[in-house]
Amino acid sequence: MDFNTTLQVAQMIVNELAGSSFVHKMQGLLFKSQGFEKLGQKYLDHYAEEQEWIDKYANRMMDLGCVPQVKVCNETALINDAVEYINADMRLQREGVEALYKMMPALAADPTTYDITKAYLADEEEDLYWDEEQVELIAQIGKQNWLMKQM
């Protein structure tokens, strides 16, 4: 079996997720410093969870005899406003979920990586639903009330 597609997908996910997870960590620290303890912890926990996905994909690559490449993430500015960040994160989550859906057929020949990616996709959809729920909640109760809930 040719695992080139698997390795390309896994490497791309490792690189993209490494960058986005670090942003989640830094945003979590920023939100905590602003007094939004719950929101900050949400993103710090999200960072830890994403690190576990990076480990799964990196280990899969090594199981297949490939050493993952380490790539430095692109420069990204943190967003001070929590509501702006939730909206920006929601847009990125949507793009990521769509990209994962498109990758799934290419992984069908590798059931192990397919199953890892299927579980990862479900996790990413859950994150997207959380963002959407927060945006809806902000619209219903207002920004200030939502921010109070994040303390």
Protein backbone atom coordinates (compact mmCIF):
# COMPACT_ATOMS: atom_id res chain seq x y z
CA MET A 1 0.00 0.00 0.00
CA ASP A 2 1.20 3.50 -0.87
CA PHE A 3 1.20 5.72 2.20
CA ASN A 4 2.32 8.93 0.47
CA THR A 5 -1.12 10.51 0.82
CA THR A 6 -1.28 9.50 4.47
CA LEU A 7 2.12 11.02 5.16
CA GLN A 8 1.28 14.24 3.31
CA VAL A 9 -2.00 14.65 5.18
CA ALA A 10 -0.45 13.80 8.55
CA GLN A 11 2.45 16.20 8.01
CA MET A 12 0.09 18.99 6.96
CA ILE A 13 -2.10 18.43 10.03
CA VAL A 14 0.93 18.36 12.35
CA ASN A 15 2.22 21.66 10.91
CA GLU A 16 -1.11 23.46 10.85
CA LEU A 17 -2.17 22.21 14.25
CA ALA A 18 1.16 23.08 15.85
CA GLY A 19 0.70 26.69 14.82
CA SER A 20 -2.97 27.00 15.71
CA SER A 21 -2.58 25.20 19.02
CA PHE A 22 0.18 27.59 20.06
CA VAL A 23 -2.09 30.52 19.21
CA HIS A 24 -4.79 28.95 21.40
CA LYS A 25 -2.30 28.71 24.25
CA MET A 26 -1.22 32.33 23.90
CA GLN A 27 -4.84 33.52 23.59
CA GLY A 28 -5.66 31.53 26.74
CA LEU A 29 -2.85 33.25 28.62
CA LEU A 30 -3.98 36.63 27.29
CA PHE A 31 -7.60 36.06 28.34
CA LYS A 32 -6.53 34.95 31.81
CA SER A 33 -4.39 38.09 32.14
CA GLN A 34 -7.48 40.13 31.27
CA GLY A 35 -9.43 38.47 34.09
CA PHE A 36 -11.39 36.06 31.89
CA GLU A 37 -10.36 32.97 33.84
CA LYS A 38 -12.91 30.55 32.35
CA LEU A 39 -12.30 31.60 28.77
CA GLY A 40 -8.54 31.55 29.28
CA GLN A 41 -8.66 28.06 30.75
CA LYS A 42 -10.88 26.88 27.88
CA TYR A 43 -8.18 27.81 25.40
CA LEU A 44 -5.34 26.44 27.53
CA ASP A 45 -7.21 23.13 27.74
CA HIS A 46 -7.83 23.31 24.00
CA TYR A 47 -4.08 23.73 23.46
CA ALA A 48 -3.36 20.60 25.52
CA GLU A 49 -5.97 18.62 23.60
CA GLU A 50 -4.52 19.71 20.27
CA GLN A 51 -1.06 18.67 21.40
CA GLU A 52 -2.46 15.16 21.87
CA TRP A 53 -3.68 15.17 18.24
CA ILE A 54 -0.24 16.31 17.08
CA ASP A 55 1.24 13.37 19.00
CA LYS A 56 -1.19 10.93 17.36
CA TYR A 57 -0.36 12.10 13.85
CA ALA A 58 3.39 12.30 14.50
CA ASN A 59 3.35 8.79 15.97
CA ARG A 60 1.40 7.51 12.97
CA MET A 61 4.00 9.00 10.64
CA MET A 62 6.78 7.33 12.61
CA ASP A 63 4.89 4.02 12.59
CA LEU A 64 5.01 4.28 8.80
CA GLY A 65 8.77 4.91 8.85
CA CYS A 66 8.69 8.66 8.29
CA VAL A 67 10.22 11.27 10.56
CA PRO A 68 7.89 14.28 10.83
CA GLN A 69 9.25 17.62 9.73
CA VAL A 70 9.12 20.44 12.23
CA LYS A 71 7.99 23.69 10.67
CA VAL A 72 7.81 27.03 12.42
CA CYS A 73 4.34 28.55 12.50
CA ASN A 74 3.53 31.80 10.74
CA GLU A 75 3.46 35.05 12.65
CA THR A 76 0.02 35.65 14.11
CA ALA A 77 -1.15 38.63 16.13
CA LEU A 78 -3.18 37.88 19.22
CA ILE A 79 -6.65 39.40 19.41
CA ASN A 80 -7.30 41.43 22.56
CA ASP A 81 -11.08 41.46 22.26
CA ALA A 82 -12.54 38.10 23.30
CA VAL A 83 -15.64 38.43 21.12
CA GLU A 84 -13.56 39.32 18.07
CA TYR A 85 -11.41 36.29 18.79
CA ILE A 86 -14.39 33.93 19.07
CA ASN A 87 -15.64 35.14 15.68
CA ALA A 88 -12.20 34.77 14.09
CA ASP A 89 -11.75 31.33 15.64
CA MET A 90 -15.17 30.27 14.36
CA ARG A 91 -14.19 31.21 10.80
CA LEU A 92 -10.94 29.24 11.08
CA GLN A 93 -12.75 26.25 12.61
CA ARG A 94 -15.19 26.22 9.68
CA GLU A 95 -12.33 26.25 7.18
CA GLY A 96 -10.55 23.48 9.07
CA VAL A 97 -13.62 21.25 9.28
CA GLU A 98 -14.28 21.71 5.56
CA ALA A 99 -10.66 20.83 4.76
CA LEU A 100 -10.82 17.69 6.91
CA TYR A 101 -14.01 16.55 5.18
CA LYS A 102 -12.26 16.92 1.83
CA MET A 103 -9.28 14.86 3.05
CA MET A 104 -11.33 11.91 4.26
CA PRO A 105 -11.79 10.14 0.88
CA ALA A 106 -8.04 10.30 0.21
CA LEU A 107 -7.39 8.45 3.49
CA ALA A 108 -9.83 5.61 2.83
CA ALA A 109 -7.02 3.26 1.76
CA ASP A 110 -5.39 3.64 5.20
CA PRO A 111 -7.98 2.64 7.81
CA THR A 112 -5.75 3.55 10.76
CA THR A 113 -5.15 7.13 9.68
CA TYR A 114 -8.73 7.37 8.45
CA ASP A 115 -9.98 6.46 11.94
CA ILE A 116 -7.61 8.96 13.61
CA THR A 117 -8.78 11.67 11.23
CA LYS A 118 -12.44 10.75 11.66
CA ALA A 119 -12.07 11.17 15.44
CA TYR A 120 -10.12 14.40 14.97
CA LEU A 121 -12.81 15.72 12.63
CA ALA A 122 -15.50 14.98 15.23
CA ASP A 123 -13.45 16.87 17.82
CA GLU A 124 -13.01 19.83 15.49
CA GLU A 125 -16.74 19.89 14.73
CA GLU A 126 -17.40 20.01 18.47
CA ASP A 127 -15.06 23.01 18.74
CA LEU A 128 -16.89 24.71 15.86
CA TYR A 129 -20.24 24.09 17.53
CA TRP A 130 -18.90 25.66 20.75
CA ASP A 131 -17.79 28.78 18.85
CA GLU A 132 -21.17 29.02 17.10
CA GLU A 133 -22.96 28.58 20.42
CA GLN A 134 -20.91 31.39 21.97
CA VAL A 135 -21.61 33.75 19.07
CA GLU A 136 -25.33 33.02 19.40
CA LEU A 137 -25.17 33.50 23.17
CA ILE A 138 -23.41 36.85 22.75
CA ALA A 139 -26.16 37.94 20.36
CA GLN A 140 -28.83 36.93 22.88
CA ILE A 141 -27.37 38.21 26.17
CA GLY A 142 -25.00 40.92 24.94
CA LYS A 143 -21.23 41.20 24.98
CA GLN A 144 -20.89 42.51 28.54
CA ASN A 145 -23.07 39.77 30.04
CA TRP A 146 -21.17 37.13 28.06
CA LEU A 147 -17.83 38.54 29.23
CA MET A 148 -19.03 38.40 32.84
CA LYS A 149 -19.71 34.68 32.37
CA GLN A 150 -16.09 34.22 31.23
CA MET A 151 -14.59 35.53 34.48
